[in-house]
């Protein structure tokens, strides 16, 4: 008789556990325990891509070197980065900075370059006149070129001219092959450019062009 009673009670027990949950209980659980499957997440769409704001300057890392300084406690190692920035519309700058790692050095150099960015004179896609500029042992020559020529330059000078927005120019590094000195000479040459008026006179600028004698 006891076994028969257990068999008769088994379906009732299974039916009890298979009964649906009361609607009031499910609503309270959702309010207390949080959200259902269809509810939006609190943190927003974390997996989606955020719309990145367009950057004002385009930057390129020209040189990256590991440097050491001998101190009383031993040698201290740092990374030195030279970064060129420009907007391709007549503004260009460069920065040199050191950091304990590569990322820190590049970020510091980029901030310096943006702060020191200057505007250069561009006439119909090229520079107004020919110029020779010397910085240390580096000597750079820039010459205007007709439309369709492109940028005929190499090394550090080409990077500066591309980011500045000059479309047609011929350049030549006549002195040292040091990248940083060539960048400084190119920047000094672009800063010294003057607009030429119709009567042949050049406008005044703060920078002065250094006269360099070059043997033919």
N, C-alpha and C. Protein backbone atom coordinates (compact mmCIF):
# COMPACT_ATOMS: atom_id res chain seq x y z
N UNK A 1 0.82 -1.21 0.00
CA UNK A 1 0.00 0.00 0.00
C UNK A 1 0.87 1.26 0.00
N UNK A 2 1.99 1.23 0.77
CA UNK A 2 2.87 2.41 0.82
C UNK A 2 3.49 2.69 -0.53
N UNK A 3 3.91 1.59 -1.23
CA UNK A 3 4.49 1.79 -2.57
C UNK A 3 3.47 2.33 -3.54
N UNK A 4 2.22 1.87 -3.43
CA UNK A 4 1.17 2.37 -4.32
C UNK A 4 0.90 3.84 -4.09
N UNK A 5 0.93 4.28 -2.84
CA UNK A 5 0.73 5.70 -2.53
C UNK A 5 1.86 6.57 -3.12
N UNK A 6 3.09 6.08 -3.05
CA UNK A 6 4.21 6.85 -3.63
C UNK A 6 4.06 6.98 -5.13
N UNK A 7 3.62 5.89 -5.79
CA UNK A 7 3.44 5.98 -7.24
C UNK A 7 2.34 6.94 -7.61
N UNK A 8 1.29 7.00 -6.79
CA UNK A 8 0.19 7.93 -7.07
C UNK A 8 0.59 9.38 -6.81
N UNK A 9 1.48 9.62 -5.87
CA UNK A 9 1.91 10.99 -5.56
C UNK A 9 2.98 11.50 -6.53
N UNK A 10 3.71 10.65 -7.23
CA UNK A 10 4.82 11.08 -8.09
C UNK A 10 4.38 12.01 -9.22
N UNK A 11 3.32 11.70 -9.96
CA UNK A 11 2.90 12.63 -11.02
C UNK A 11 2.51 13.99 -10.48
N UNK A 12 1.88 13.98 -9.29
CA UNK A 12 1.48 15.27 -8.70
C UNK A 12 2.70 16.11 -8.39
N UNK A 13 3.76 15.47 -7.88
CA UNK A 13 4.98 16.21 -7.54
C UNK A 13 5.64 16.76 -8.79
N UNK A 14 5.74 15.96 -9.84
CA UNK A 14 6.34 16.43 -11.08
C UNK A 14 5.52 17.55 -11.69
N UNK A 15 4.18 17.43 -11.60
CA UNK A 15 3.32 18.48 -12.14
C UNK A 15 3.49 19.78 -11.37
N UNK A 16 3.74 19.65 -10.08
CA UNK A 16 3.91 20.85 -9.26
C UNK A 16 5.15 21.64 -9.69
N UNK A 17 6.24 20.91 -9.96
CA UNK A 17 7.47 21.62 -10.35
C UNK A 17 7.41 22.11 -11.79
N UNK A 18 6.55 21.52 -12.60
CA UNK A 18 6.46 21.95 -13.99
C UNK A 18 5.47 23.08 -14.20
N UNK A 19 4.83 23.54 -13.14
CA UNK A 19 3.86 24.63 -13.25
C UNK A 19 4.58 25.93 -13.61
N UNK A 20 3.97 26.82 -14.40
CA UNK A 20 4.61 28.10 -14.75
C UNK A 20 4.71 29.02 -13.55
N UNK A 21 5.68 29.90 -13.59
CA UNK A 21 5.92 30.84 -12.50
C UNK A 21 4.84 31.92 -12.50
N UNK A 22 4.36 32.31 -11.34
CA UNK A 22 3.33 33.37 -11.29
C UNK A 22 3.86 34.66 -11.91
N UNK A 23 2.94 35.40 -12.57
CA UNK A 23 3.36 36.64 -13.24
C UNK A 23 3.84 37.69 -12.27
N UNK A 24 3.22 37.79 -11.10
CA UNK A 24 3.64 38.78 -10.11
C UNK A 24 5.04 38.50 -9.61
N UNK A 25 5.37 37.20 -9.45
CA UNK A 25 6.70 36.83 -8.96
C UNK A 25 7.78 37.17 -10.00
N UNK A 26 7.48 36.93 -11.28
CA UNK A 26 8.48 37.23 -12.32
C UNK A 26 8.71 38.72 -12.45
N UNK A 27 7.65 39.55 -12.30
CA UNK A 27 7.83 41.00 -12.39
C UNK A 27 8.67 41.52 -11.24
N UNK A 28 8.39 41.00 -10.02
CA UNK A 28 9.18 41.45 -8.88
C UNK A 28 10.63 41.06 -9.02
N UNK A 29 10.87 39.85 -9.55
CA UNK A 29 12.24 39.39 -9.72
C UNK A 29 12.99 40.26 -10.72
N UNK A 30 12.32 40.66 -11.81
CA UNK A 30 12.97 41.51 -12.81
C UNK A 30 13.29 42.88 -12.24
N UNK A 31 12.37 43.42 -11.39
CA UNK A 31 12.62 44.73 -10.81
C UNK A 31 13.75 44.68 -9.80
N UNK A 32 13.83 43.58 -9.01
CA UNK A 32 14.88 43.49 -8.01
C UNK A 32 16.19 43.01 -8.62
N UNK A 33 16.11 41.97 -9.41
CA UNK A 33 17.33 41.36 -9.91
C UNK A 33 17.89 42.05 -11.13
N UNK A 34 17.16 42.94 -11.77
CA UNK A 34 17.73 43.68 -12.88
C UNK A 34 16.91 43.60 -14.13
N UNK A 35 17.51 43.20 -15.24
CA UNK A 35 16.93 43.40 -16.54
C UNK A 35 16.67 42.07 -17.22
N UNK A 36 15.75 42.12 -18.17
CA UNK A 36 15.47 40.94 -18.96
C UNK A 36 16.40 40.87 -20.16
N UNK A 37 16.07 39.94 -21.04
CA UNK A 37 16.95 39.76 -22.19
C UNK A 37 16.84 40.92 -23.17
N UNK A 38 15.65 41.49 -23.28
CA UNK A 38 15.47 42.55 -24.27
C UNK A 38 15.84 43.93 -23.77
N UNK A 39 16.18 44.08 -22.50
CA UNK A 39 16.47 45.41 -21.95
C UNK A 39 17.85 45.87 -22.39
N UNK A 40 18.03 47.18 -22.63
CA UNK A 40 19.34 47.69 -23.04
C UNK A 40 20.34 47.62 -21.90
N UNK A 41 21.61 47.51 -22.24
CA UNK A 41 22.67 47.46 -21.23
C UNK A 41 22.92 48.84 -20.64
N UNK A 42 23.38 48.81 -19.39
CA UNK A 42 23.65 50.09 -18.72
C UNK A 42 24.85 50.80 -19.33
N UNK A 43 25.84 50.03 -19.67
CA UNK A 43 27.08 50.63 -20.17
C UNK A 43 27.04 51.04 -21.62
N UNK A 44 25.87 50.91 -22.26
CA UNK A 44 25.78 51.27 -23.66
C UNK A 44 26.33 50.16 -24.54
N UNK A 45 26.55 50.47 -25.78
CA UNK A 45 27.09 49.50 -26.73
C UNK A 45 28.60 49.49 -26.62
N UNK A 46 29.08 48.66 -25.69
CA UNK A 46 30.53 48.63 -25.49
C UNK A 46 31.26 47.96 -26.64
N UNK A 47 30.58 47.02 -27.27
CA UNK A 47 31.25 46.30 -28.35
C UNK A 47 31.29 47.08 -29.65
N UNK A 48 30.44 48.12 -29.81
CA UNK A 48 30.41 48.88 -31.04
C UNK A 48 31.56 49.86 -31.14
N UNK A 49 31.82 50.34 -32.33
CA UNK A 49 32.89 51.28 -32.56
C UNK A 49 32.40 52.70 -32.34
N UNK A 50 33.16 53.46 -31.62
CA UNK A 50 32.81 54.86 -31.39
C UNK A 50 33.28 55.71 -32.57
N UNK A 51 32.53 56.76 -32.84
CA UNK A 51 32.89 57.66 -33.93
C UNK A 51 34.11 58.48 -33.52
N UNK A 52 35.23 58.27 -34.20
CA UNK A 52 36.46 58.99 -33.88
C UNK A 52 36.43 60.36 -34.54
N UNK A 53 36.83 61.36 -33.77
CA UNK A 53 36.89 62.71 -34.30
C UNK A 53 38.09 62.85 -35.24
N UNK A 54 37.93 63.53 -36.36
CA UNK A 54 39.05 63.70 -37.28
C UNK A 54 40.17 64.52 -36.64
N UNK A 55 41.38 64.06 -36.82
CA UNK A 55 42.51 64.75 -36.23
C UNK A 55 42.89 65.97 -37.07
N UNK A 56 43.36 67.00 -36.40
CA UNK A 56 43.75 68.22 -37.10
C UNK A 56 45.05 68.03 -37.85
N UNK A 57 45.99 67.28 -37.27
CA UNK A 57 47.30 67.08 -37.86
C UNK A 57 47.52 65.59 -38.15
N UNK A 58 48.25 65.36 -39.23
CA UNK A 58 48.74 64.02 -39.53
C UNK A 58 50.19 63.96 -39.07
N UNK A 59 50.58 62.88 -38.42
CA UNK A 59 51.92 62.81 -37.84
C UNK A 59 52.66 61.58 -38.34
N UNK A 60 53.98 61.72 -38.42
CA UNK A 60 54.85 60.62 -38.81
C UNK A 60 56.08 60.63 -37.91
N UNK A 61 56.49 59.46 -37.51
CA UNK A 61 57.69 59.33 -36.69
C UNK A 61 58.88 59.19 -37.62
N UNK A 62 59.73 60.22 -37.62
CA UNK A 62 60.86 60.25 -38.54
C UNK A 62 62.04 59.44 -38.01
N UNK A 63 62.34 59.59 -36.74
CA UNK A 63 63.52 58.93 -36.18
C UNK A 63 63.22 58.46 -34.77
N UNK A 64 63.72 57.28 -34.43
CA UNK A 64 63.54 56.71 -33.10
C UNK A 64 64.85 56.04 -32.71
N UNK A 65 65.44 56.52 -31.61
CA UNK A 65 66.75 56.02 -31.21
C UNK A 65 66.78 55.80 -29.70
N UNK A 66 67.64 54.90 -29.28
CA UNK A 66 67.84 54.64 -27.86
C UNK A 66 69.11 55.35 -27.42
N UNK A 67 68.99 56.21 -26.45
CA UNK A 67 70.11 57.02 -25.98
C UNK A 67 70.36 56.70 -24.51
N UNK A 68 71.60 56.86 -24.10
CA UNK A 68 71.99 56.61 -22.71
C UNK A 68 72.74 57.82 -22.16
N UNK A 69 72.59 58.04 -20.87
CA UNK A 69 73.30 59.11 -20.18
C UNK A 69 74.02 58.50 -18.99
N UNK A 70 75.30 58.81 -18.87
CA UNK A 70 76.10 58.27 -17.78
C UNK A 70 75.93 59.18 -16.56
N UNK A 71 75.42 58.62 -15.48
CA UNK A 71 75.22 59.37 -14.24
C UNK A 71 76.06 58.75 -13.13
N UNK A 72 75.93 59.30 -11.94
CA UNK A 72 76.71 58.81 -10.81
C UNK A 72 76.32 57.39 -10.44
N UNK A 73 75.06 57.05 -10.57
CA UNK A 73 74.59 55.71 -10.23
C UNK A 73 74.73 54.70 -11.35
N UNK A 74 75.14 55.14 -12.52
CA UNK A 74 75.27 54.23 -13.68
C UNK A 74 74.71 54.87 -14.94
N UNK A 75 74.39 54.05 -15.89
CA UNK A 75 73.85 54.54 -17.15
C UNK A 75 72.33 54.57 -17.09
N UNK A 76 71.76 55.66 -17.61
CA UNK A 76 70.32 55.83 -17.67
C UNK A 76 69.88 55.78 -19.12
N UNK A 77 69.03 54.83 -19.46
CA UNK A 77 68.60 54.64 -20.84
C UNK A 77 67.26 55.33 -21.08
N UNK A 78 67.17 56.00 -22.21
CA UNK A 78 65.94 56.67 -22.63
C UNK A 78 65.75 56.45 -24.13
N UNK A 79 64.55 56.76 -24.61
CA UNK A 79 64.23 56.70 -26.04
C UNK A 79 63.97 58.11 -26.55
N UNK A 80 64.57 58.42 -27.69
CA UNK A 80 64.40 59.74 -28.31
C UNK A 80 63.63 59.59 -29.62
N UNK A 81 62.62 60.42 -29.78
CA UNK A 81 61.76 60.35 -30.97
C UNK A 81 61.71 61.71 -31.64
N UNK A 82 61.72 61.69 -32.95
CA UNK A 82 61.54 62.90 -33.76
C UNK A 82 60.27 62.71 -34.59
N UNK A 83 59.29 63.58 -34.37
CA UNK A 83 57.96 63.44 -35.00
C UNK A 83 57.68 64.69 -35.83
N UNK A 84 57.16 64.48 -37.03
CA UNK A 84 56.75 65.57 -37.92
C UNK A 84 55.23 65.57 -37.99
N UNK A 85 54.61 66.72 -37.85
CA UNK A 85 53.15 66.84 -37.96
C UNK A 85 52.81 67.89 -39.02
N UNK A 86 51.68 67.73 -39.65
CA UNK A 86 51.22 68.68 -40.66
C UNK A 86 49.78 68.42 -41.03
N UNK A 87 49.12 69.45 -41.57
CA UNK A 87 47.71 69.32 -41.97
C UNK A 87 47.52 69.29 -43.48
N UNK A 88 48.63 69.24 -44.25
CA UNK A 88 48.59 69.21 -45.72
C UNK A 88 47.94 70.47 -46.29
N UNK A 89 47.86 71.53 -45.49
CA UNK A 89 47.26 72.78 -45.96
C UNK A 89 48.13 73.99 -45.65
N UNK A 90 49.42 73.77 -45.45
CA UNK A 90 50.31 74.89 -45.21
C UNK A 90 50.83 74.99 -43.79
N UNK A 91 50.45 74.09 -42.91
CA UNK A 91 50.94 74.10 -41.52
C UNK A 91 51.77 72.84 -41.27
N UNK A 92 52.95 73.04 -40.70
CA UNK A 92 53.85 71.92 -40.44
C UNK A 92 54.71 72.26 -39.24
N UNK A 93 55.12 71.23 -38.51
CA UNK A 93 55.96 71.42 -37.33
C UNK A 93 56.69 70.13 -37.00
N UNK A 94 57.71 70.25 -36.16
CA UNK A 94 58.46 69.07 -35.75
C UNK A 94 58.75 69.16 -34.26
N UNK A 95 58.95 68.01 -33.64
CA UNK A 95 59.24 67.96 -32.22
C UNK A 95 60.19 66.82 -31.91
N UNK A 96 61.08 67.05 -30.95
CA UNK A 96 62.04 66.04 -30.50
C UNK A 96 61.89 65.91 -28.99
N UNK A 97 61.71 64.69 -28.51
CA UNK A 97 61.50 64.48 -27.07
C UNK A 97 62.05 63.12 -26.68
N UNK A 98 62.28 62.97 -25.37
CA UNK A 98 62.78 61.72 -24.81
C UNK A 98 61.76 61.18 -23.81
N UNK A 99 61.78 59.87 -23.61
CA UNK A 99 60.89 59.22 -22.66
C UNK A 99 61.44 57.89 -22.22
N UNK A 100 60.88 57.37 -21.13
CA UNK A 100 61.36 56.11 -20.61
C UNK A 100 60.93 54.93 -21.48
N UNK A 101 59.90 55.14 -22.32
CA UNK A 101 59.51 54.12 -23.30
C UNK A 101 59.19 54.80 -24.62
N UNK A 102 58.97 53.99 -25.64
CA UNK A 102 58.78 54.53 -26.99
C UNK A 102 57.51 55.35 -27.09
N UNK A 103 56.41 54.85 -26.53
CA UNK A 103 55.13 55.54 -26.63
C UNK A 103 55.18 56.91 -25.97
N UNK A 104 55.81 56.99 -24.80
CA UNK A 104 55.91 58.28 -24.12
C UNK A 104 56.74 59.27 -24.92
N UNK A 105 57.84 58.80 -25.51
CA UNK A 105 58.68 59.69 -26.31
C UNK A 105 57.94 60.20 -27.54
N UNK A 106 57.19 59.32 -28.21
CA UNK A 106 56.45 59.74 -29.42
C UNK A 106 55.34 60.73 -29.06
N UNK A 107 54.62 60.48 -27.97
CA UNK A 107 53.55 61.38 -27.57
C UNK A 107 54.08 62.76 -27.19
N UNK A 108 55.19 62.80 -26.45
CA UNK A 108 55.78 64.09 -26.08
C UNK A 108 56.26 64.84 -27.30
N UNK A 109 56.90 64.15 -28.23
CA UNK A 109 57.37 64.80 -29.45
C UNK A 109 56.22 65.31 -30.30
N UNK A 110 55.12 64.56 -30.36
CA UNK A 110 53.96 65.01 -31.15
C UNK A 110 53.33 66.26 -30.54
N UNK A 111 53.25 66.32 -29.21
CA UNK A 111 52.70 67.53 -28.57
C UNK A 111 53.59 68.74 -28.82
N UNK A 112 54.89 68.55 -28.75
CA UNK A 112 55.80 69.66 -29.04
C UNK A 112 55.66 70.12 -30.48
N UNK A 113 55.52 69.17 -31.40
CA UNK A 113 55.40 69.53 -32.81
C UNK A 113 54.12 70.32 -33.08
N UNK A 114 53.03 69.94 -32.44
CA UNK A 114 51.77 70.67 -32.64
C UNK A 114 51.85 72.08 -32.06
N UNK A 115 52.55 72.25 -30.94
CA UNK A 115 52.68 73.57 -30.34
C UNK A 115 53.54 74.50 -31.19
N UNK A 116 54.55 73.95 -31.86
CA UNK A 116 55.48 74.77 -32.63
C UNK A 116 55.16 74.78 -34.12
N UNK A 117 53.99 74.27 -34.52
CA UNK A 117 53.63 74.23 -35.94
C UNK A 117 53.53 75.66 -36.49
N UNK A 118 54.01 75.85 -37.69
CA UNK A 118 54.00 77.17 -38.32
C UNK A 118 53.33 77.07 -39.69
N UNK A 119 52.94 78.22 -40.21
CA UNK A 119 52.30 78.29 -41.52
C UNK A 119 53.32 78.79 -42.54
N UNK A 120 53.37 78.13 -43.68
CA UNK A 120 54.34 78.48 -44.71
C UNK A 120 53.59 79.05 -45.92
N UNK A 121 54.37 79.70 -46.81
CA UNK A 121 53.80 80.30 -48.01
C UNK A 121 53.79 79.28 -49.15
N UNK A 122 52.62 79.01 -49.69
CA UNK A 122 52.45 78.13 -50.84
C UNK A 122 51.73 78.89 -51.93
N UNK A 123 52.34 78.94 -53.12
CA UNK A 123 51.78 79.66 -54.26
C UNK A 123 51.54 78.67 -55.38
N UNK A 124 50.27 78.43 -55.70
CA UNK A 124 49.87 77.52 -56.77
C UNK A 124 50.50 76.15 -56.61
N UNK A 125 50.52 75.66 -55.37
CA UNK A 125 51.00 74.31 -55.11
C UNK A 125 52.49 74.16 -54.98
N UNK A 126 53.25 75.25 -55.06
CA UNK A 126 54.70 75.18 -54.95
C UNK A 126 55.20 76.33 -54.08
N UNK A 127 56.51 76.41 -53.88
CA UNK A 127 57.08 77.48 -53.06
C UNK A 127 57.30 78.72 -53.91
N UNK A 128 57.38 79.90 -53.30
CA UNK A 128 57.47 81.13 -54.10
C UNK A 128 58.78 81.29 -54.86
N UNK A 129 59.90 80.83 -54.31
CA UNK A 129 61.20 81.07 -54.94
C UNK A 129 62.19 80.01 -54.46
N UNK A 130 63.36 79.99 -55.09
CA UNK A 130 64.42 79.07 -54.70
C UNK A 130 65.08 79.56 -53.41
N UNK A 131 65.57 78.62 -52.60
CA UNK A 131 66.20 78.99 -51.34
C UNK A 131 67.22 77.93 -50.94
N UNK A 132 68.30 78.39 -50.34
CA UNK A 132 69.33 77.53 -49.76
C UNK A 132 69.38 77.82 -48.27
N UNK A 133 69.39 76.78 -47.48
CA UNK A 133 69.40 76.97 -46.02
C UNK A 133 70.36 75.98 -45.39
N UNK A 134 71.13 76.49 -44.43
CA UNK A 134 72.14 75.68 -43.75
C UNK A 134 71.82 75.62 -42.27
N UNK A 135 71.96 74.43 -41.70
CA UNK A 135 71.83 74.25 -40.25
C UNK A 135 72.89 73.25 -39.83
N UNK A 136 73.86 73.71 -39.08
CA UNK A 136 74.96 72.84 -38.71
C UNK A 136 75.71 72.39 -39.94
N UNK A 137 75.86 71.08 -40.09
CA UNK A 137 76.52 70.54 -41.27
C UNK A 137 75.54 70.19 -42.38
N UNK A 138 74.25 70.42 -42.15
CA UNK A 138 73.22 70.10 -43.15
C UNK A 138 72.96 71.31 -44.04
N UNK A 139 72.85 71.07 -45.32
CA UNK A 139 72.56 72.11 -46.31
C UNK A 139 71.45 71.61 -47.21
N UNK A 140 70.36 72.36 -47.29
CA UNK A 140 69.18 71.95 -48.05
C UNK A 140 68.87 73.00 -49.11
N UNK A 141 68.56 72.55 -50.32
CA UNK A 141 68.17 73.43 -51.42
C UNK A 141 66.74 73.10 -51.82
N UNK A 142 65.89 74.12 -51.92
CA UNK A 142 64.50 73.96 -52.36
C UNK A 142 64.29 74.82 -53.59
N UNK A 143 63.66 74.25 -54.62
CA UNK A 143 63.39 74.97 -55.86
C UNK A 143 61.93 74.77 -56.25
N UNK A 144 61.25 75.83 -56.70
CA UNK A 144 59.86 75.66 -57.17
C UNK A 144 59.81 74.84 -58.44
N UNK A 145 58.68 74.18 -58.67
CA UNK A 145 58.52 73.32 -59.84
C UNK A 145 57.14 73.53 -60.43
N UNK A 146 56.99 73.30 -61.74
CA UNK A 146 55.68 73.47 -62.38
C UNK A 146 54.70 72.39 -61.96
N UNK A 147 53.44 72.60 -62.29
CA UNK A 147 52.39 71.68 -61.91
C UNK A 147 52.60 70.32 -62.59
N UNK A 148 52.41 69.26 -61.82
CA UNK A 148 52.60 67.92 -62.34
C UNK A 148 53.96 67.32 -62.03
N UNK A 149 54.85 68.12 -61.47
CA UNK A 149 56.18 67.60 -61.16
C UNK A 149 56.15 66.67 -59.96
N UNK A 150 55.37 67.04 -58.95
CA UNK A 150 55.35 66.26 -57.72
C UNK A 150 56.45 66.69 -56.78
N UNK A 151 56.69 65.89 -55.77
CA UNK A 151 57.74 66.17 -54.79
C UNK A 151 58.95 65.32 -55.13
N UNK A 152 59.98 65.97 -55.64
CA UNK A 152 61.24 65.27 -55.95
C UNK A 152 62.23 65.55 -54.83
N UNK A 153 62.16 64.74 -53.82
CA UNK A 153 63.02 64.89 -52.65
C UNK A 153 63.08 63.54 -51.95
N UNK A 154 64.01 63.43 -51.05
CA UNK A 154 64.17 62.17 -50.34
C UNK A 154 64.47 62.40 -48.88
N UNK A 155 64.33 61.33 -48.11
CA UNK A 155 64.68 61.38 -46.70
C UNK A 155 63.76 62.26 -45.89
N UNK A 156 64.37 62.97 -44.93
CA UNK A 156 63.60 63.80 -44.01
C UNK A 156 62.94 64.98 -44.72
N UNK A 157 63.59 65.51 -45.75
CA UNK A 157 63.04 66.66 -46.47
C UNK A 157 61.72 66.31 -47.14
N UNK A 158 61.61 65.12 -47.67
CA UNK A 158 60.37 64.71 -48.34
C UNK A 158 59.22 64.61 -47.35
N UNK A 159 59.48 64.08 -46.16
CA UNK A 159 58.42 63.95 -45.16
C UNK A 159 57.89 65.33 -44.77
N UNK A 160 58.78 66.30 -44.57
CA UNK A 160 58.35 67.64 -44.19
C UNK A 160 57.53 68.28 -45.30
N UNK A 161 57.96 68.13 -46.54
CA UNK A 161 57.26 68.76 -47.66
C UNK A 161 55.89 68.11 -47.89
N UNK A 162 55.80 66.80 -47.74
CA UNK A 162 54.51 66.13 -47.92
C UNK A 162 53.49 66.57 -46.88
N UNK A 163 53.90 66.63 -45.61
CA UNK A 163 52.97 67.01 -44.56
C UNK A 163 52.64 68.50 -44.60
N UNK A 164 53.50 69.31 -45.18
CA UNK A 164 53.22 70.74 -45.25
C UNK A 164 52.17 71.07 -46.30
N UNK A 165 52.02 70.22 -47.31
CA UNK A 165 51.02 70.48 -48.35
C UNK A 165 51.60 70.98 -49.65
N UNK A 166 52.92 71.07 -49.78
CA UNK A 166 53.55 71.48 -51.04
C UNK A 166 53.43 70.32 -52.02
N UNK A 167 52.86 70.59 -53.19
CA UNK A 167 52.59 69.52 -54.15
C UNK A 167 53.68 69.37 -55.20
N UNK A 168 54.33 70.47 -55.58
CA UNK A 168 55.34 70.44 -56.64
C UNK A 168 56.57 71.19 -56.16
N UNK A 169 57.66 70.47 -55.98
CA UNK A 169 58.89 71.07 -55.50
C UNK A 169 60.04 70.11 -55.77
N UNK A 170 61.23 70.69 -55.96
CA UNK A 170 62.45 69.91 -56.13
C UNK A 170 63.38 70.28 -54.99
N UNK A 171 63.86 69.27 -54.27
CA UNK A 171 64.71 69.51 -53.10
C UNK A 171 65.92 68.60 -53.18
N UNK A 172 67.01 69.07 -52.56
CA UNK A 172 68.24 68.31 -52.55
C UNK A 172 68.98 68.58 -51.24
N UNK A 173 69.44 67.51 -50.58
CA UNK A 173 70.26 67.64 -49.38
C UNK A 173 71.72 67.61 -49.82
N UNK A 174 72.40 68.73 -49.64
CA UNK A 174 73.77 68.88 -50.13
C UNK A 174 74.82 68.68 -49.05
N UNK A 175 74.41 68.55 -47.82
CA UNK A 175 75.38 68.44 -46.73
C UNK A 175 75.29 67.11 -46.02
N UNK A 176 75.13 67.18 -44.70
CA UNK A 176 75.12 65.99 -43.87
C UNK A 176 73.88 65.14 -44.13
N UNK A 177 73.97 63.87 -43.78
CA UNK A 177 72.84 62.95 -43.90
C UNK A 177 72.08 62.79 -42.59
N UNK A 178 72.39 63.60 -41.59
CA UNK A 178 71.71 63.52 -40.31
C UNK A 178 70.25 63.94 -40.49
N UNK A 179 69.34 63.05 -40.08
CA UNK A 179 67.91 63.31 -40.30
C UNK A 179 67.42 64.54 -39.55
N UNK A 180 67.80 64.66 -38.30
CA UNK A 180 67.29 65.77 -37.48
C UNK A 180 67.82 67.10 -37.99
N UNK A 181 69.10 67.17 -38.37
CA UNK A 181 69.64 68.42 -38.90
C UNK A 181 69.02 68.77 -40.25
N UNK A 182 68.72 67.77 -41.06
CA UNK A 182 68.06 68.05 -42.34
C UNK A 182 66.63 68.56 -42.12
N UNK A 183 65.95 68.02 -41.11
CA UNK A 183 64.61 68.52 -40.79
C UNK A 183 64.69 69.98 -40.34
N UNK A 184 65.64 70.29 -39.48
CA UNK A 184 65.77 71.67 -39.00
C UNK A 184 66.14 72.62 -40.14
N UNK A 185 66.99 72.17 -41.04
CA UNK A 185 67.35 73.03 -42.18
C UNK A 185 66.14 73.23 -43.10
N UNK A 186 65.37 72.18 -43.34
CA UNK A 186 64.18 72.30 -44.19
C UNK A 186 63.14 73.22 -43.56
N UNK A 187 62.93 73.07 -42.25
CA UNK A 187 61.96 73.93 -41.57
C UNK A 187 62.42 75.40 -41.60
N UNK A 188 63.72 75.62 -41.42
CA UNK A 188 64.23 77.00 -41.49
C UNK A 188 64.07 77.57 -42.90
N UNK A 189 64.25 76.74 -43.92
CA UNK A 189 64.07 77.21 -45.29
C UNK A 189 62.61 77.56 -45.58
N UNK A 190 61.69 76.73 -45.12
CA UNK A 190 60.27 77.02 -45.33
C UNK A 190 59.83 78.26 -44.55
N UNK A 191 60.40 78.45 -43.37
CA UNK A 191 60.04 79.63 -42.58
C UNK A 191 60.58 80.91 -43.21
N UNK A 192 61.70 80.81 -43.92
CA UNK A 192 62.31 81.99 -44.53
C UNK A 192 61.73 82.35 -45.89
N UNK A 193 60.79 81.57 -46.39
CA UNK A 193 60.19 81.88 -47.69
C UNK A 193 59.41 83.18 -47.60
N UNK A 194 59.49 83.97 -48.68
CA UNK A 194 58.82 85.26 -48.75
C UNK A 194 57.97 85.33 -50.01
N UNK A 195 56.83 85.95 -49.91
CA UNK A 195 55.97 86.13 -51.08
C UNK A 195 56.54 87.19 -52.00
N UNK A 196 56.55 86.90 -53.30
CA UNK A 196 57.09 87.83 -54.29
C UNK A 196 55.94 88.59 -54.92
N UNK A 197 56.01 89.92 -54.88
CA UNK A 197 54.95 90.75 -55.47
C UNK A 197 55.15 90.87 -56.97
N UNK A 198 54.23 91.57 -57.63
CA UNK A 198 54.29 91.72 -59.08
C UNK A 198 55.50 92.54 -59.52
N UNK A 199 55.93 93.50 -58.71
CA UNK A 199 57.07 94.31 -59.10
C UNK A 199 58.40 93.65 -58.74
N UNK A 200 58.37 92.41 -58.27
CA UNK A 200 59.61 91.70 -58.00
C UNK A 200 60.11 91.83 -56.58
N UNK A 201 59.42 92.58 -55.73
CA UNK A 201 59.87 92.75 -54.35
C UNK A 201 59.31 91.62 -53.49
N UNK A 202 60.10 91.26 -52.51
CA UNK A 202 59.69 90.21 -51.59
C UNK A 202 59.20 90.82 -50.29
N UNK A 203 58.13 90.23 -49.75
CA UNK A 203 57.58 90.72 -48.50
C UNK A 203 58.49 90.41 -47.32
N UNK A 204 58.38 91.22 -46.29
CA UNK A 204 59.22 91.03 -45.12
C UNK A 204 58.68 89.88 -44.27
N UNK A 205 59.59 89.11 -43.73
CA UNK A 205 59.26 88.05 -42.78
C UNK A 205 60.22 88.12 -41.61
N UNK A 206 59.86 87.52 -40.52
CA UNK A 206 60.70 87.53 -39.34
C UNK A 206 61.98 86.72 -39.54
N UNK A 207 61.89 85.63 -40.29
CA UNK A 207 63.06 84.80 -40.51
C UNK A 207 63.96 85.41 -41.57
N UNK A 208 65.24 85.23 -41.46
CA UNK A 208 66.21 85.72 -42.42
C UNK A 208 66.87 84.54 -43.09
N UNK A 209 67.08 84.64 -44.38
CA UNK A 209 67.69 83.57 -45.14
C UNK A 209 69.19 83.69 -45.07
N UNK A 210 69.86 82.58 -44.80
CA UNK A 210 71.31 82.57 -44.73
C UNK A 210 71.86 82.36 -46.11
N UNK A 211 72.80 83.19 -46.53
CA UNK A 211 73.39 83.09 -47.85
C UNK A 211 74.52 82.07 -47.81
N UNK A 212 74.47 81.10 -48.68
CA UNK A 212 75.46 80.04 -48.71
C UNK A 212 76.04 79.96 -50.12
N UNK A 213 77.34 79.95 -50.19
CA UNK A 213 78.02 79.84 -51.48
C UNK A 213 78.21 78.37 -51.81
N UNK A 214 77.74 77.96 -52.97
CA UNK A 214 77.86 76.56 -53.39
C UNK A 214 78.68 76.51 -54.67
N UNK A 215 79.72 75.71 -54.65
CA UNK A 215 80.57 75.58 -55.82
C UNK A 215 79.84 74.80 -56.91
N UNK A 216 79.92 75.28 -58.09
CA UNK A 216 79.24 74.62 -59.22
C UNK A 216 79.99 73.34 -59.60
